[in-house]
Amino acid sequence: MTHYPVDTSVKPEVTGFFDEATNTITYVVKDPASTACAVIDSVMDIDYAAGRIHYEHADQIIDHITSRGLTLEWLIETHVHADHLSAAPYIQERLGGKLGIGTGISVVQETFGKIFNEGTEFQRDGSQFDRLFKDGDTYQVGGITAFAMHTPGHTPACMTHVMGDAAFVGDTLFMPDGGTARADFPGGDARALYRSIKAILALPDEMRLFICHDYGPNGREIRWETTVAEERENNIHVRNGVTEDEFVAMRTERDATLDMPKLIIPSIQVNMRAGHLPPPDDNGARYLKVPVDQL
């Protein structure tokens, strides 16, 4: 069993930025003892119908960091998102920092490289990123020793990143009344998802959990911060007492009723390239493919 260097005495300053178009929360995480920070799960804006890219959401993040005199050390992707496009290269170009994702990216690249019929020039080894995290790997954000937990199930590349008393769980968990991630994308696995969630919920009760998406179930206000204790007690899908078999049956039945995310086609093509658009065609323009009957 992996030993994680948990230290809940370190309390980073966490600022969330909600993107209404994709219900995504991006986080700026600041070391309380220095100007160092990290950005987790950034968003690039797209008008998909018009094929236009813009950066209003990313510019908010950049303004927040620069106006406070912070130093960006890491851009973290919790996984290859299927519902929004990453703005990591745009932010990195302006503020620096290293871009990291889990080692499972190579599995995602292999799977979706075939679906999108990418040629041999598309590298499937994760080399588009600066760092590939394995389970238990550590890295520094100023004085914070952060660590990565491999939490697959939603996708093979999903990682939970823990910085002091704050854990960033990506899509693995939602707020207690939102439940859990789907597990029916290529490479997803409901049984692996249950075990990953149990690993997260084995962290200390007081650990703050920050989620990547919230949809305001039953009309409540958007929220994105909870705790391990609250999830254990109240999560509608995996609270205490729910068995693995019960969870798998529920998740399988529920996933069969869900539509594909509306931005899955552009998101995967961009995010498996670390947030870069596909290379230009012979005429200098860039295109996103629509695979027919492949998803």
C-alpha atoms as a PDB file:
ATOM      1  CA  MET A   1       0.000   0.000   0.000  1.00  0.00           C
ATOM      2  CA  THR A   2       1.337   3.433  -0.960  1.00  0.00           C
ATOM      3  CA  HIS A   3       2.386   5.665   1.937  1.00  0.00           C
ATOM      4  CA  TYR A   4       1.293   9.232   1.283  1.00  0.00           C
ATOM      5  CA  PRO A   5       3.007  12.159   3.090  1.00  0.00           C
ATOM      6  CA  VAL A   6      -0.202  13.690   4.484  1.00  0.00           C
ATOM      7  CA  ASP A   7       0.270  16.900   6.482  1.00  0.00           C
ATOM      8  CA  THR A   8      -3.012  18.644   7.263  1.00  0.00           C
ATOM      9  CA  SER A   9      -1.210  21.255   9.368  1.00  0.00           C
ATOM     10  CA  VAL A  10      -0.300  23.003   6.098  1.00  0.00           C
ATOM     11  CA  LYS A  11      -3.295  25.030   4.914  1.00  0.00           C
ATOM     12  CA  PRO A  12      -2.886  26.446   1.414  1.00  0.00           C
ATOM     13  CA  GLU A  13      -4.978  29.361   0.234  1.00  0.00           C
ATOM     14  CA  VAL A  14      -7.388  28.018  -2.385  1.00  0.00           C
ATOM     15  CA  THR A  15      -9.293  30.287  -4.788  1.00  0.00           C
ATOM     16  CA  GLY A  16     -11.905  28.761  -7.086  1.00  0.00           C
ATOM     17  CA  PHE A  17     -12.985  30.177 -10.455  1.00  0.00           C
ATOM     18  CA  PHE A  18     -16.303  28.833 -11.761  1.00  0.00           C
ATOM     19  CA  ASP A  19     -16.829  28.560 -15.526  1.00  0.00           C
ATOM     20  CA  GLU A  20     -20.562  28.693 -16.102  1.00  0.00           C
ATOM     21  CA  ALA A  21     -20.379  27.401 -19.682  1.00  0.00           C
ATOM     22  CA  THR A  22     -18.877  24.054 -18.611  1.00  0.00           C
ATOM     23  CA  ASN A  23     -19.661  23.973 -14.855  1.00  0.00           C
ATOM     24  CA  THR A  24     -15.930  23.620 -14.251  1.00  0.00           C
ATOM     25  CA  ILE A  25     -14.020  24.985 -11.276  1.00  0.00           C
ATOM     26  CA  THR A  26     -10.386  25.983 -11.797  1.00  0.00           C
ATOM     27  CA  TYR A  27      -8.248  26.439  -8.699  1.00  0.00           C
ATOM     28  CA  VAL A  28      -5.317  28.657  -7.841  1.00  0.00           C
ATOM     29  CA  VAL A  29      -3.552  27.101  -4.849  1.00  0.00           C
ATOM     30  CA  LYS A  30      -1.104  29.341  -2.965  1.00  0.00           C
ATOM     31  CA  ASP A  31       1.569  28.253  -0.531  1.00  0.00           C
ATOM     32  CA  PRO A  32       0.759  30.147   2.706  1.00  0.00           C
ATOM     33  CA  ALA A  33       4.471  30.713   3.388  1.00  0.00           C
ATOM     34  CA  SER A  34       5.564  32.101  -0.005  1.00  0.00           C
ATOM     35  CA  THR A  35       4.340  33.537  -3.311  1.00  0.00           C
ATOM     36  CA  ALA A  36       4.399  30.120  -5.010  1.00  0.00           C
ATOM     37  CA  CYS A  37       1.162  28.784  -6.493  1.00  0.00           C
ATOM     38  CA  ALA A  38      -0.309  26.096  -8.707  1.00  0.00           C
ATOM     39  CA  VAL A  39      -3.213  26.144 -11.165  1.00  0.00           C
ATOM     40  CA  ILE A  40      -5.442  23.076 -11.320  1.00  0.00           C
ATOM     41  CA  ASP A  41      -7.747  22.239 -14.272  1.00  0.00           C
ATOM     42  CA  SER A  42      -7.793  25.440 -16.314  1.00  0.00           C
ATOM     43  CA  VAL A  43     -10.414  26.171 -18.985  1.00  0.00           C
ATOM     44  CA  MET A  44     -10.053  27.429 -22.558  1.00  0.00           C
ATOM     45  CA  ASP A  45     -13.282  28.926 -23.914  1.00  0.00           C
ATOM     46  CA  ILE A  46     -14.756  27.627 -27.161  1.00  0.00           C
ATOM     47  CA  ASP A  47     -17.709  28.647 -29.283  1.00  0.00           C
ATOM     48  CA  TYR A  48     -18.063  25.166 -30.728  1.00  0.00           C
ATOM     49  CA  ALA A  49     -20.771  26.041 -33.254  1.00  0.00           C
ATOM     50  CA  ALA A  50     -18.566  28.780 -34.727  1.00  0.00           C
ATOM     51  CA  GLY A  51     -15.249  26.987 -34.198  1.00  0.00           C
ATOM     52  CA  ARG A  52     -13.801  29.958 -32.294  1.00  0.00           C
ATOM     53  CA  ILE A  53     -11.393  29.818 -29.353  1.00  0.00           C
ATOM     54  CA  HIS A  54     -10.995  32.561 -26.742  1.00  0.00           C
ATOM     55  CA  TYR A  55      -9.437  32.941 -23.295  1.00  0.00           C
ATOM     56  CA  GLU A  56     -11.645  35.021 -20.984  1.00  0.00           C
ATOM     57  CA  HIS A  57     -11.617  32.397 -18.222  1.00  0.00           C
ATOM     58  CA  ALA A  58      -7.855  31.853 -18.456  1.00  0.00           C
ATOM     59  CA  ASP A  59      -7.269  35.602 -18.400  1.00  0.00           C
ATOM     60  CA  GLN A  60      -9.092  35.779 -15.051  1.00  0.00           C
ATOM     61  CA  ILE A  61      -6.620  33.242 -13.658  1.00  0.00           C
ATOM     62  CA  ILE A  62      -3.645  35.146 -15.082  1.00  0.00           C
ATOM     63  CA  ASP A  63      -4.932  38.448 -13.680  1.00  0.00           C
ATOM     64  CA  HIS A  64      -5.435  36.867 -10.241  1.00  0.00           C
ATOM     65  CA  ILE A  65      -1.869  35.525 -10.177  1.00  0.00           C
ATOM     66  CA  THR A  66      -0.150  38.624 -11.553  1.00  0.00           C
ATOM     67  CA  SER A  67      -2.116  41.141  -9.484  1.00  0.00           C
ATOM     68  CA  ARG A  68      -1.052  39.352  -6.303  1.00  0.00           C
ATOM     69  CA  GLY A  69       2.565  38.982  -7.318  1.00  0.00           C
ATOM     70  CA  LEU A  70       2.404  35.179  -7.269  1.00  0.00           C
ATOM     71  CA  THR A  71       4.823  32.790  -8.964  1.00  0.00           C
ATOM     72  CA  LEU A  72       3.234  29.967 -10.943  1.00  0.00           C
ATOM     73  CA  GLU A  73       5.180  26.762 -10.388  1.00  0.00           C
ATOM     74  CA  TRP A  74       2.744  24.081 -11.588  1.00  0.00           C
ATOM     75  CA  LEU A  75      -0.191  23.639 -13.950  1.00  0.00           C
ATOM     76  CA  ILE A  76      -1.923  20.405 -13.006  1.00  0.00           C
ATOM     77  CA  GLU A  77      -4.437  18.437 -15.047  1.00  0.00           C
ATOM     78  CA  THR A  78      -6.293  15.944 -12.851  1.00  0.00           C
ATOM     79  CA  HIS A  79      -7.110  13.944 -16.003  1.00  0.00           C
ATOM     80  CA  VAL A  80      -7.896  14.286 -19.715  1.00  0.00           C
ATOM     81  CA  HIS A  81     -11.164  16.179 -19.461  1.00  0.00           C
ATOM     82  CA  ALA A  82     -14.066  15.325 -21.767  1.00  0.00           C
ATOM     83  CA  ASP A  83     -16.215  18.361 -20.990  1.00  0.00           C
ATOM     84  CA  HIS A  84     -13.905  21.348 -21.336  1.00  0.00           C
ATOM     85  CA  LEU A  85     -10.700  22.325 -23.122  1.00  0.00           C
ATOM     86  CA  SER A  86      -7.531  23.019 -21.144  1.00  0.00           C
ATOM     87  CA  ALA A  87      -5.923  26.467 -21.258  1.00  0.00           C
ATOM     88  CA  ALA A  88      -2.671  25.239 -19.703  1.00  0.00           C
ATOM     89  CA  PRO A  89      -0.365  26.116 -22.645  1.00  0.00           C
ATOM     90  CA  TYR A  90      -1.861  29.621 -22.869  1.00  0.00           C
ATOM     91  CA  ILE A  91      -1.260  30.248 -19.166  1.00  0.00           C
ATOM     92  CA  GLN A  92       2.153  28.573 -19.202  1.00  0.00           C
ATOM     93  CA  GLU A  93       3.325  30.737 -22.090  1.00  0.00           C
ATOM     94  CA  ARG A  94       2.503  33.862 -20.074  1.00  0.00           C
ATOM     95  CA  LEU A  95       3.439  32.824 -16.540  1.00  0.00           C
ATOM     96  CA  GLY A  96       5.763  29.830 -16.802  1.00  0.00           C
ATOM     97  CA  GLY A  97       5.450  26.759 -14.581  1.00  0.00           C
ATOM     98  CA  LYS A  98       5.537  23.048 -15.344  1.00  0.00           C
ATOM     99  CA  LEU A  99       2.583  21.112 -16.762  1.00  0.00           C
ATOM    100  CA  GLY A 100       1.792  17.746 -15.170  1.00  0.00           C
ATOM    101  CA  ILE A 101      -0.673  14.859 -15.551  1.00  0.00           C
ATOM    102  CA  GLY A 102      -0.810  11.188 -14.530  1.00  0.00           C
ATOM    103  CA  THR A 103       1.174   8.494 -16.342  1.00  0.00           C
ATOM    104  CA  GLY A 104      -2.123   6.988 -17.511  1.00  0.00           C
ATOM    105  CA  ILE A 105      -2.174   9.691 -20.186  1.00  0.00           C
ATOM    106  CA  SER A 106      -0.403   7.258 -22.510  1.00  0.00           C
ATOM    107  CA  VAL A 107      -3.355   4.841 -22.269  1.00  0.00           C
ATOM    108  CA  VAL A 108      -5.772   7.668 -23.066  1.00  0.00           C
ATOM    109  CA  GLN A 109      -3.611   8.821 -25.969  1.00  0.00           C
ATOM    110  CA  GLU A 110      -3.437   5.307 -27.384  1.00  0.00           C
ATOM    111  CA  THR A 111      -7.202   4.787 -27.070  1.00  0.00           C
ATOM    112  CA  PHE A 112      -8.286   8.126 -28.512  1.00  0.00           C
ATOM    113  CA  GLY A 113      -5.427   8.260 -31.007  1.00  0.00           C
ATOM    114  CA  LYS A 114      -7.156   5.325 -32.690  1.00  0.00           C
ATOM    115  CA  ILE A 115     -10.650   6.812 -32.373  1.00  0.00           C
ATOM    116  CA  PHE A 116      -9.502  10.050 -34.035  1.00  0.00           C
ATOM    117  CA  ASN A 117      -7.226   8.184 -36.479  1.00  0.00           C
ATOM    118  CA  GLU A 118      -4.182  10.227 -35.526  1.00  0.00           C
ATOM    119  CA  GLY A 119      -1.034   9.571 -37.515  1.00  0.00           C
ATOM    120  CA  THR A 120       2.353   8.485 -36.247  1.00  0.00           C
ATOM    121  CA  GLU A 121       3.321  12.122 -35.661  1.00  0.00           C
ATOM    122  CA  PHE A 122       0.966  12.162 -32.662  1.00  0.00           C
ATOM    123  CA  GLN A 123       3.118  11.006 -29.754  1.00  0.00           C
ATOM    124  CA  ARG A 124       1.362   8.562 -27.415  1.00  0.00           C
ATOM    125  CA  ASP A 125       3.929   8.632 -24.604  1.00  0.00           C
ATOM    126  CA  GLY A 126       2.786  11.720 -22.694  1.00  0.00           C
ATOM    127  CA  SER A 127       5.798  13.707 -23.932  1.00  0.00           C
ATOM    128  CA  GLN A 128       3.584  16.762 -24.506  1.00  0.00           C
ATOM    129  CA  PHE A 129       3.651  17.249 -20.706  1.00  0.00           C
ATOM    130  CA  ASP A 130       6.554  18.307 -18.490  1.00  0.00           C
ATOM    131  CA  ARG A 131       5.876  15.751 -15.750  1.00  0.00           C
ATOM    132  CA  LEU A 132       4.009  12.444 -15.636  1.00  0.00           C
ATOM    133  CA  PHE A 133       2.963  11.554 -12.098  1.00  0.00           C
ATOM    134  CA  LYS A 134       2.913   8.040 -10.688  1.00  0.00           C
ATOM    135  CA  ASP A 135       0.992   7.045  -7.588  1.00  0.00           C
ATOM    136  CA  GLY A 136       2.747   8.526  -4.573  1.00  0.00           C
ATOM    137  CA  ASP A 137       4.963  10.955  -6.496  1.00  0.00           C
ATOM    138  CA  THR A 138       5.719  14.208  -4.672  1.00  0.00           C
ATOM    139  CA  TYR A 139       6.528  17.712  -5.902  1.00  0.00           C
ATOM    140  CA  GLN A 140       6.923  21.145  -4.362  1.00  0.00           C
ATOM    141  CA  VAL A 141       4.677  24.191  -4.503  1.00  0.00           C
ATOM    142  CA  GLY A 142       6.875  26.598  -2.580  1.00  0.00           C
ATOM    143  CA  GLY A 143       7.144  25.052   0.876  1.00  0.00           C
ATOM    144  CA  ILE A 144       4.248  22.620   0.332  1.00  0.00           C
ATOM    145  CA  THR A 145       5.151  19.014  -0.383  1.00  0.00           C
ATOM    146  CA  ALA A 146       2.310  18.013  -2.682  1.00  0.00           C
ATOM    147  CA  PHE A 147       1.620  14.433  -3.727  1.00  0.00           C
ATOM    148  CA  ALA A 148      -0.353  12.602  -6.387  1.00  0.00           C
ATOM    149  CA  MET A 149      -2.697   9.665  -5.827  1.00  0.00           C
ATOM    150  CA  HIS A 150      -3.626   7.473  -8.788  1.00  0.00           C
ATOM    151  CA  THR A 151      -7.439   7.367  -8.672  1.00  0.00           C
ATOM    152  CA  PRO A 152      -8.591   5.709 -11.926  1.00  0.00           C
ATOM    153  CA  GLY A 153     -12.124   4.690 -12.814  1.00  0.00           C
ATOM    154  CA  HIS A 154     -13.533   7.767 -14.525  1.00  0.00           C
ATOM    155  CA  THR A 155     -10.491   7.591 -16.837  1.00  0.00           C
ATOM    156  CA  PRO A 156      -7.201   5.651 -16.598  1.00  0.00           C
ATOM    157  CA  ALA A 157      -5.231   8.884 -16.098  1.00  0.00           C
ATOM    158  CA  CYS A 158      -7.194  10.319 -13.162  1.00  0.00           C
ATOM    159  CA  MET A 159      -5.065  11.591 -10.275  1.00  0.00           C
ATOM    160  CA  THR A 160      -6.017  13.262  -7.022  1.00  0.00           C
ATOM    161  CA  HIS A 161      -3.518  15.946  -5.998  1.00  0.00           C
ATOM    162  CA  VAL A 162      -3.054  16.674  -2.296  1.00  0.00           C
ATOM    163  CA  MET A 163      -1.477  19.893  -1.049  1.00  0.00           C
ATOM    164  CA  GLY A 164      -1.462  20.151   2.741  1.00  0.00           C
ATOM    165  CA  ASP A 165      -5.051  19.874   3.971  1.00  0.00           C
ATOM    166  CA  ALA A 166      -6.511  20.327   0.462  1.00  0.00           C
ATOM    167  CA  ALA A 167      -7.163  17.512  -2.029  1.00  0.00           C
ATOM    168  CA  PHE A 168      -8.181  18.152  -5.630  1.00  0.00           C
ATOM    169  CA  VAL A 169     -10.205  15.174  -6.796  1.00  0.00           C
ATOM    170  CA  GLY A 170     -11.000  16.068 -10.412  1.00  0.00           C
ATOM    171  CA  ASP A 171     -14.168  14.328 -11.595  1.00  0.00           C
ATOM    172  CA  THR A 172     -13.816  11.315  -9.284  1.00  0.00           C
ATOM    173  CA  LEU A 173     -16.137  12.757  -6.633  1.00  0.00           C
ATOM    174  CA  PHE A 174     -18.770  15.480  -6.754  1.00  0.00           C
ATOM    175  CA  MET A 175     -20.400  17.292  -3.840  1.00  0.00           C
ATOM    176  CA  PRO A 176     -22.256  14.853  -1.550  1.00  0.00           C
ATOM    177  CA  ASP A 177     -25.613  15.548  -3.250  1.00  0.00           C
ATOM    178  CA  GLY A 178     -23.999  15.177  -6.690  1.00  0.00           C
ATOM    179  CA  GLY A 179     -22.497  11.732  -6.177  1.00  0.00           C
ATOM    180  CA  THR A 180     -19.666  10.463  -8.334  1.00  0.00           C
ATOM    181  CA  ALA A 181     -18.194  10.510 -11.829  1.00  0.00           C
ATOM    182  CA  ARG A 182     -19.442   8.376 -14.670  1.00  0.00           C
ATOM    183  CA  ALA A 183     -17.303   5.374 -15.613  1.00  0.00           C
ATOM    184  CA  ASP A 184     -18.464   4.537 -19.127  1.00  0.00           C
ATOM    185  CA  PHE A 185     -15.929   6.431 -21.240  1.00  0.00           C
ATOM    186  CA  PRO A 186     -13.304   4.316 -23.064  1.00  0.00           C
ATOM    187  CA  GLY A 187     -10.941   3.069 -20.340  1.00  0.00           C
ATOM    188  CA  GLY A 188     -13.456   3.766 -17.545  1.00  0.00           C
ATOM    189  CA  ASP A 189     -14.195   1.180 -14.867  1.00  0.00           C
ATOM    190  CA  ALA A 190     -16.863   1.470 -12.159  1.00  0.00           C
ATOM    191  CA  ARG A 191     -15.149  -1.037  -9.862  1.00  0.00           C
ATOM    192  CA  ALA A 192     -11.845   0.842 -10.111  1.00  0.00           C
ATOM    193  CA  LEU A 193     -13.737   4.078  -9.466  1.00  0.00           C
ATOM    194  CA  TYR A 194     -15.204   2.720  -6.218  1.00  0.00           C
ATOM    195  CA  ARG A 195     -11.775   1.642  -4.982  1.00  0.00           C
ATOM    196  CA  SER A 196     -10.265   5.011  -5.926  1.00  0.00           C
ATOM    197  CA  ILE A 197     -12.977   6.849  -4.000  1.00  0.00           C
ATOM    198  CA  LYS A 198     -12.365   4.658  -0.966  1.00  0.00           C
ATOM    199  CA  ALA A 199      -8.677   5.602  -1.133  1.00  0.00           C
ATOM    200  CA  ILE A 200      -9.617   9.297  -1.152  1.00  0.00           C
ATOM    201  CA  LEU A 201     -12.039   8.786   1.724  1.00  0.00           C
ATOM    202  CA  ALA A 202      -9.264   7.102   3.727  1.00  0.00           C
ATOM    203  CA  LEU A 203      -7.599  10.519   4.001  1.00  0.00           C
ATOM    204  CA  PRO A 204      -8.112  12.379   7.304  1.00  0.00           C
ATOM    205  CA  ASP A 205     -11.674  13.468   8.124  1.00  0.00           C
ATOM    206  CA  GLU A 206     -10.742  17.153   8.078  1.00  0.00           C
ATOM    207  CA  MET A 207      -9.137  17.026   4.612  1.00  0.00           C
ATOM    208  CA  ARG A 208     -10.753  19.640   2.391  1.00  0.00           C
ATOM    209  CA  LEU A 209     -11.913  18.185  -0.922  1.00  0.00           C
ATOM    210  CA  PHE A 210     -12.172  20.427  -3.981  1.00  0.00           C
ATOM    211  CA  ILE A 211     -14.201  19.127  -6.913  1.00  0.00           C
ATOM    212  CA  CYS A 212     -13.832  19.917 -10.602  1.00  0.00           C
ATOM    213  CA  HIS A 213     -17.529  20.251 -11.499  1.00  0.00           C
ATOM    214  CA  ASP A 214     -20.767  21.182  -9.823  1.00  0.00           C
ATOM    215  CA  TYR A 215     -24.224  21.353 -11.398  1.00  0.00           C
ATOM    216  CA  GLY A 216     -26.264  22.650  -8.467  1.00  0.00           C
ATOM    217  CA  PRO A 217     -28.575  19.629  -7.952  1.00  0.00           C
ATOM    218  CA  ASN A 218     -32.192  20.522  -7.119  1.00  0.00           C
ATOM    219  CA  GLY A 219     -31.489  24.180  -7.789  1.00  0.00           C
ATOM    220  CA  ARG A 220     -29.036  24.799  -4.934  1.00  0.00           C
ATOM    221  CA  GLU A 221     -26.209  27.316  -5.255  1.00  0.00           C
ATOM    222  CA  ILE A 222     -23.020  26.135  -6.944  1.00  0.00           C
ATOM    223  CA  ARG A 223     -20.511  24.754  -4.421  1.00  0.00           C
ATOM    224  CA  TRP A 224     -17.119  23.145  -4.783  1.00  0.00           C
ATOM    225  CA  GLU A 225     -15.627  22.527  -1.350  1.00  0.00           C
ATOM    226  CA  THR A 226     -16.484  19.660   0.991  1.00  0.00           C
ATOM    227  CA  THR A 227     -14.566  17.364   3.389  1.00  0.00           C
ATOM    228  CA  VAL A 228     -13.690  13.694   3.628  1.00  0.00           C
ATOM    229  CA  ALA A 229     -15.988  13.360   6.654  1.00  0.00           C
ATOM    230  CA  GLU A 230     -18.909  14.973   4.830  1.00  0.00           C
ATOM    231  CA  GLU A 231     -18.482  12.741   1.775  1.00  0.00           C
ATOM    232  CA  ARG A 232     -18.226   9.593   3.891  1.00  0.00           C
ATOM    233  CA  GLU A 233     -21.414  10.472   5.719  1.00  0.00           C
ATOM    234  CA  ASN A 234     -23.571  11.973   2.994  1.00  0.00           C
ATOM    235  CA  ASN A 235     -22.429  11.162  -0.553  1.00  0.00           C
ATOM    236  CA  ILE A 236     -25.509   9.805  -2.320  1.00  0.00           C
ATOM    237  CA  HIS A 237     -23.483   7.180  -4.222  1.00  0.00           C
ATOM    238  CA  VAL A 238     -20.679   6.075  -1.883  1.00  0.00           C
ATOM    239  CA  ARG A 239     -21.560   7.050   1.678  1.00  0.00           C
ATOM    240  CA  ASN A 240     -20.647   4.660   4.494  1.00  0.00           C
ATOM    241  CA  GLY A 241     -22.362   1.313   4.063  1.00  0.00           C
ATOM    242  CA  VAL A 242     -22.566   1.251   0.258  1.00  0.00           C
ATOM    243  CA  THR A 243     -20.794  -1.894  -0.977  1.00  0.00           C
ATOM    244  CA  GLU A 244     -18.637  -2.164  -4.074  1.00  0.00           C
ATOM    245  CA  ASP A 245     -21.179  -4.373  -5.847  1.00  0.00           C
ATOM    246  CA  GLU A 246     -24.006  -1.974  -5.020  1.00  0.00           C
ATOM    247  CA  PHE A 247     -21.997   0.938  -6.352  1.00  0.00           C
ATOM    248  CA  VAL A 248     -21.043  -0.868  -9.574  1.00  0.00           C
ATOM    249  CA  ALA A 249     -24.682  -1.834 -10.220  1.00  0.00           C
ATOM    250  CA  MET A 250     -25.867   1.736  -9.593  1.00  0.00           C
ATOM    251  CA  ARG A 251     -23.099   3.334 -11.671  1.00  0.00           C
ATOM    252  CA  THR A 252     -23.585   0.932 -14.600  1.00  0.00           C
ATOM    253  CA  GLU A 253     -27.340   1.498 -14.683  1.00  0.00           C
ATOM    254  CA  ARG A 254     -27.002   5.260 -14.347  1.00  0.00           C
ATOM    255  CA  ASP A 255     -24.255   5.607 -16.960  1.00  0.00           C
ATOM    256  CA  ALA A 256     -26.421   3.842 -19.533  1.00  0.00           C
ATOM    257  CA  THR A 257     -28.879   6.779 -19.359  1.00  0.00           C
ATOM    258  CA  LEU A 258     -26.302   9.575 -19.790  1.00  0.00           C
ATOM    259  CA  ASP A 259     -25.615  11.460 -23.006  1.00  0.00           C
ATOM    260  CA  MET A 260     -22.064  12.176 -24.117  1.00  0.00           C
ATOM    261  CA  PRO A 261     -20.739  15.559 -22.901  1.00  0.00           C
ATOM    262  CA  LYS A 262     -21.437  18.194 -25.551  1.00  0.00           C
ATOM    263  CA  LEU A 263     -17.751  19.142 -25.799  1.00  0.00           C
ATOM    264  CA  ILE A 264     -16.222  15.653 -25.679  1.00  0.00           C
ATOM    265  CA  ILE A 265     -15.055  15.706 -29.314  1.00  0.00           C
ATOM    266  CA  PRO A 266     -13.055  18.950 -29.196  1.00  0.00           C
ATOM    267  CA  SER A 267     -12.031  18.439 -25.555  1.00  0.00           C
ATOM    268  CA  ILE A 268     -10.367  15.057 -25.994  1.00  0.00           C
ATOM    269  CA  GLN A 269      -8.529  16.075 -29.166  1.00  0.00           C
ATOM    270  CA  VAL A 270      -7.083  19.141 -27.447  1.00  0.00           C
ATOM    271  CA  ASN A 271      -6.525  17.777 -23.939  1.00  0.00           C
ATOM    272  CA  MET A 272      -4.715  14.621 -25.024  1.00  0.00           C
ATOM    273  CA  ARG A 273      -2.250  17.068 -26.627  1.00  0.00           C
ATOM    274  CA  ALA A 274      -1.749  18.896 -23.292  1.00  0.00           C
ATOM    275  CA  GLY A 275      -4.116  21.692 -24.323  1.00  0.00           C
ATOM    276  CA  HIS A 276      -2.678  22.272 -27.785  1.00  0.00           C
ATOM    277  CA  LEU A 277      -4.860  22.388 -30.896  1.00  0.00           C
ATOM    278  CA  PRO A 278      -4.199  19.776 -33.606  1.00  0.00           C
ATOM    279  CA  PRO A 279      -1.417  20.729 -36.041  1.00  0.00           C
ATOM    280  CA  PRO A 280      -2.386  22.889 -39.031  1.00  0.00           C
ATOM    281  CA  ASP A 281      -3.528  21.292 -42.265  1.00  0.00           C
ATOM    282  CA  ASP A 282      -1.880  21.950 -45.682  1.00  0.00           C
ATOM    283  CA  ASN A 283      -3.738  25.284 -45.941  1.00  0.00           C
ATOM    284  CA  GLY A 284      -2.477  26.506 -42.566  1.00  0.00           C
ATOM    285  CA  ALA A 285      -5.856  26.166 -40.833  1.00  0.00           C
ATOM    286  CA  ARG A 286      -6.475  23.863 -37.850  1.00  0.00           C
ATOM    287  CA  TYR A 287      -9.359  21.418 -37.762  1.00  0.00           C
ATOM    288  CA  LEU A 288     -11.108  19.238 -35.192  1.00  0.00           C
ATOM    289  CA  LYS A 289     -12.347  15.861 -36.419  1.00  0.00           C
ATOM    290  CA  VAL A 290     -15.789  14.398 -35.717  1.00  0.00           C
ATOM    291  CA  PRO A 291     -15.501  10.597 -35.597  1.00  0.00           C
ATOM    292  CA  VAL A 292     -18.763   9.048 -36.778  1.00  0.00           C
ATOM    293  CA  ASP A 293     -20.197   6.181 -34.695  1.00  0.00           C
ATOM    294  CA  GLN A 294     -16.953   5.782 -32.709  1.00  0.00           C
ATOM    295  CA  LEU A 295     -17.965   7.031 -29.263  1.00  0.00           C
END
